[in-house]
Amino acid sequence: MSIDKAMALEIWVAYFFACLVLSVSPGAGVVFVMSSAMSYGIRKTLYGIIGMELSLLIYLSLVGLGIGAMMATSTLIFILTKWCGVLYLIYLGIQKWREPIHLTDTKRLQAQQVPYKIFLQGLFVNLTNPKSIVFLAALLPQFVDLQRSQLMQFSILGITMVGLDSLIMLLYGLMARSLRHLLHDPQFIKLQNRLFGGVLILAGLLMTQMNH
């Protein structure tokens, strides 16, 4: 079944651009991807991107099943998820801030981080952001036509969002990788660690201001 039969093409186009703006907008996920790509290379960063997209799929599935609406209106779930996200982002930020300076031995630096750890970091960066489920619960229903197959529509919306977000995160990672030659400069490494660490900590602190 083509997109135009499952949902109106103009609705899909509008949704596509909404997802594009969401993905391109800098946030904790972008900072995580760029930091990982600079430190460990794009191949290992792919595991982190997979983790991020898996968390997005989980939230998309919950919204599709109707559970997302319940979670979005539950103050307790929102608060618990929010504070898990706050603490996790601050933890990652402190880790990055305190990361030792490594110069030319980039192979040793890459070997220090195993893929499954990067995957879990990517998973939890998105999964512990309560605004994700709130945003999706509010956004997706606006693009669903109740007169057509909801399963097919949610599938198209999910594939579009995950595919586009994966591409944008990969581009951010490739952009960050192009700066890896600067890892031979100890001052740049220190600045990079403090910058990414500070942004992650700031993202965690800003999350405390979220209201349900």
Protein backbone atom coordinates (compact mmCIF):
# COMPACT_ATOMS: atom_id res chain seq x y z
CA MET A 1 0.00 0.00 0.00
CA SER A 2 1.43 3.42 -0.98
CA ILE A 3 1.58 6.40 1.35
CA ASP A 4 -1.17 8.27 -0.53
CA LYS A 5 -3.57 5.38 0.07
CA ALA A 6 -2.76 5.01 3.77
CA MET A 7 -2.79 8.75 4.47
CA ALA A 8 -3.06 12.02 2.57
CA LEU A 9 0.26 13.01 1.01
CA GLU A 10 0.00 16.62 2.19
CA ILE A 11 -0.44 15.42 5.78
CA TRP A 12 2.66 13.24 5.50
CA VAL A 13 4.67 16.15 4.08
CA ALA A 14 3.60 18.38 6.98
CA TYR A 15 4.54 15.64 9.43
CA PHE A 16 7.90 15.15 7.68
CA PHE A 17 8.84 18.80 8.17
CA ALA A 18 7.66 18.73 11.79
CA CYS A 19 9.98 15.75 12.40
CA LEU A 20 12.80 17.47 10.52
CA VAL A 21 12.63 20.53 12.78
CA LEU A 22 12.48 18.29 15.84
CA SER A 23 15.51 16.24 14.78
CA VAL A 24 17.69 19.14 13.67
CA SER A 25 17.04 21.17 16.84
CA PRO A 26 20.06 20.78 19.15
CA GLY A 27 19.39 18.87 22.34
CA ALA A 28 20.90 16.32 24.68
CA GLY A 29 20.75 13.66 21.95
CA VAL A 30 22.71 15.78 19.48
CA VAL A 31 25.32 16.60 22.13
CA PHE A 32 25.64 12.92 23.00
CA VAL A 33 26.10 11.88 19.35
CA MET A 34 28.69 14.58 18.60
CA SER A 35 30.63 13.91 21.77
CA SER A 36 30.65 10.16 21.12
CA ALA A 37 31.70 10.58 17.47
CA MET A 38 34.62 12.81 18.39
CA SER A 39 35.81 10.54 21.18
CA TYR A 40 35.10 7.04 19.88
CA GLY A 41 34.50 7.36 16.13
CA ILE A 42 31.40 7.08 13.99
CA ARG A 43 31.20 3.26 13.99
CA LYS A 44 30.77 2.99 17.74
CA THR A 45 28.52 6.05 17.75
CA LEU A 46 26.13 4.12 15.50
CA TYR A 47 25.34 1.91 18.50
CA GLY A 48 24.34 4.99 20.44
CA ILE A 49 22.13 6.18 17.60
CA ILE A 50 20.46 2.74 17.47
CA GLY A 51 19.79 3.03 21.21
CA MET A 52 18.26 6.47 20.74
CA GLU A 53 16.01 5.28 17.92
CA LEU A 54 14.94 2.21 19.91
CA SER A 55 13.73 4.46 22.72
CA LEU A 56 11.86 6.50 20.13
CA LEU A 57 10.24 3.33 18.77
CA ILE A 58 9.20 2.36 22.29
CA TYR A 59 7.49 5.71 22.81
CA LEU A 60 5.91 5.58 19.34
CA SER A 61 4.50 2.13 20.13
CA LEU A 62 3.12 3.33 23.46
CA VAL A 63 1.40 6.26 21.77
CA GLY A 64 0.00 3.94 19.10
CA LEU A 65 -1.40 1.64 21.76
CA GLY A 66 -2.99 4.56 23.60
CA ILE A 67 -0.75 4.12 26.65
CA GLY A 68 1.12 7.29 25.72
CA ALA A 69 -1.93 9.44 26.42
CA MET A 70 -2.19 7.96 29.92
CA MET A 71 1.52 8.51 30.57
CA ALA A 72 1.36 12.06 29.24
CA THR A 73 -1.40 12.93 31.70
CA SER A 74 0.06 11.09 34.70
CA THR A 75 1.81 13.57 36.96
CA LEU A 76 3.58 10.84 38.94
CA ILE A 77 5.00 9.08 35.88
CA PHE A 78 6.02 12.43 34.40
CA ILE A 79 7.85 13.52 37.56
CA LEU A 80 9.62 10.18 38.04
CA THR A 81 10.76 10.07 34.40
CA LYS A 82 11.81 13.70 34.51
CA TRP A 83 14.05 13.30 37.56
CA CYS A 84 15.59 10.10 36.17
CA GLY A 85 16.45 12.10 33.08
CA VAL A 86 17.81 15.02 35.10
CA LEU A 87 20.11 12.81 37.14
CA TYR A 88 21.25 10.79 34.13
CA LEU A 89 22.13 13.84 32.02
CA ILE A 90 24.01 15.44 34.92
CA TYR A 91 25.85 12.17 35.49
CA LEU A 92 26.88 11.99 31.81
CA GLY A 93 27.89 15.65 31.91
CA ILE A 94 30.11 15.19 34.97
CA GLN A 95 31.69 12.13 33.37
CA LYS A 96 32.47 14.09 30.21
CA TRP A 97 33.74 17.09 32.16
CA ARG A 98 36.16 14.91 34.11
CA GLU A 99 37.21 12.72 31.17
CA PRO A 100 41.03 12.38 31.02
CA ILE A 101 42.90 14.09 28.19
CA HIS A 102 44.15 11.64 25.54
CA LEU A 103 46.28 12.90 22.68
CA THR A 104 47.47 10.86 19.71
CA ASP A 105 46.53 7.43 21.02
CA THR A 106 42.99 7.55 19.60
CA LYS A 107 42.86 3.76 19.17
CA ARG A 108 43.34 3.29 22.90
CA LEU A 109 40.65 5.89 23.57
CA GLN A 110 38.18 4.10 21.28
CA ALA A 111 38.93 0.74 22.86
CA GLN A 112 38.01 2.05 26.29
CA GLN A 113 34.33 2.31 25.39
CA VAL A 114 32.55 -0.89 24.39
CA PRO A 115 29.60 -0.67 21.96
CA TYR A 116 26.89 -1.91 24.33
CA LYS A 117 27.67 0.88 26.79
CA ILE A 118 27.30 3.49 24.08
CA PHE A 119 24.05 1.79 23.02
CA LEU A 120 22.68 1.99 26.57
CA GLN A 121 23.71 5.62 26.91
CA GLY A 122 21.86 6.48 23.70
CA LEU A 123 18.82 4.50 24.85
CA PHE A 124 18.56 6.25 28.20
CA VAL A 125 19.31 9.75 26.87
CA ASN A 126 16.00 9.61 24.96
CA LEU A 127 14.07 7.25 27.21
CA THR A 128 14.46 9.44 30.30
CA ASN A 129 13.19 12.57 28.56
CA PRO A 130 9.49 12.85 29.53
CA LYS A 131 8.88 15.54 26.95
CA SER A 132 9.36 12.85 24.27
CA ILE A 133 6.22 10.97 25.25
CA VAL A 134 4.28 14.19 25.89
CA PHE A 135 5.31 15.59 22.51
CA LEU A 136 4.50 12.40 20.61
CA ALA A 137 1.18 11.94 22.41
CA ALA A 138 0.22 15.47 21.37
CA LEU A 139 1.73 15.39 17.87
CA LEU A 140 0.88 12.02 16.34
CA PRO A 141 -2.94 12.13 16.73
CA GLN A 142 -2.98 15.38 14.70
CA PHE A 143 -1.75 13.45 11.65
CA VAL A 144 -3.98 10.36 11.99
CA ASP A 145 -7.15 10.03 9.92
CA LEU A 146 -9.65 7.93 11.86
CA GLN A 147 -11.34 6.94 8.59
CA ARG A 148 -8.22 5.07 7.42
CA SER A 149 -6.12 2.22 8.79
CA GLN A 150 -4.60 3.52 12.01
CA LEU A 151 -2.05 0.72 12.13
CA MET A 152 -0.75 1.61 8.67
CA GLN A 153 -0.71 5.31 9.49
CA PHE A 154 1.20 4.84 12.75
CA SER A 155 3.64 2.57 10.92
CA ILE A 156 4.30 5.23 8.29
CA LEU A 157 4.62 7.97 10.93
CA GLY A 158 6.97 5.82 12.99
CA ILE A 159 9.20 4.82 10.06
CA THR A 160 9.34 8.44 8.91
CA MET A 161 10.34 9.81 12.31
CA VAL A 162 12.90 7.11 13.13
CA GLY A 163 14.40 7.10 9.63
CA LEU A 164 14.74 10.87 9.49
CA ASP A 165 16.06 11.18 13.03
CA SER A 166 18.63 8.43 12.37
CA LEU A 167 19.86 10.27 9.27
CA ILE A 168 20.11 13.62 11.09
CA MET A 169 21.97 12.06 14.03
CA LEU A 170 24.36 10.34 11.60
CA LEU A 171 25.05 13.67 9.88
CA TYR A 172 25.76 15.30 13.24
CA GLY A 173 28.13 12.43 14.04
CA LEU A 174 29.94 12.77 10.70
CA MET A 175 30.25 16.51 11.20
CA ALA A 176 31.77 15.96 14.64
CA ARG A 177 34.10 13.26 13.29
CA SER A 178 35.57 15.78 10.85
CA LEU A 179 36.96 17.65 13.86
CA ARG A 180 38.74 14.62 15.30
CA HIS A 181 42.10 15.80 13.98
CA LEU A 182 41.94 18.43 16.72
CA LEU A 183 42.20 15.65 19.31
CA HIS A 184 45.96 16.05 19.03
CA ASP A 185 45.61 19.41 20.78
CA PRO A 186 45.30 19.01 24.57
CA GLN A 187 43.71 22.45 24.96
CA PHE A 188 41.02 21.56 22.41
CA ILE A 189 40.36 18.23 24.13
CA LYS A 190 39.94 19.97 27.47
CA LEU A 191 37.65 22.58 25.89
CA GLN A 192 35.63 19.88 24.14
CA ASN A 193 35.19 17.87 27.34
CA ARG A 194 34.14 20.95 29.30
CA LEU A 195 31.82 22.18 26.53
CA PHE A 196 29.96 18.90 25.97
CA GLY A 197 29.96 18.11 29.68
CA GLY A 198 28.63 21.56 30.52
CA VAL A 199 25.89 21.36 27.89
CA LEU A 200 24.72 17.96 29.19
CA ILE A 201 24.66 19.27 32.76
CA LEU A 202 22.78 22.37 31.59
CA ALA A 203 20.28 20.19 29.70
CA GLY A 204 19.70 18.24 32.90
CA LEU A 205 19.19 21.41 34.93
CA LEU A 206 16.83 22.87 32.33
CA MET A 207 14.81 19.65 32.48
CA THR A 208 14.01 20.46 36.14
CA GLN A 209 12.00 23.45 34.85
CA MET A 210 9.69 21.22 32.84
CA ASN A 211 6.08 21.46 33.88
CA HIS A 212 3.58 18.73 33.17
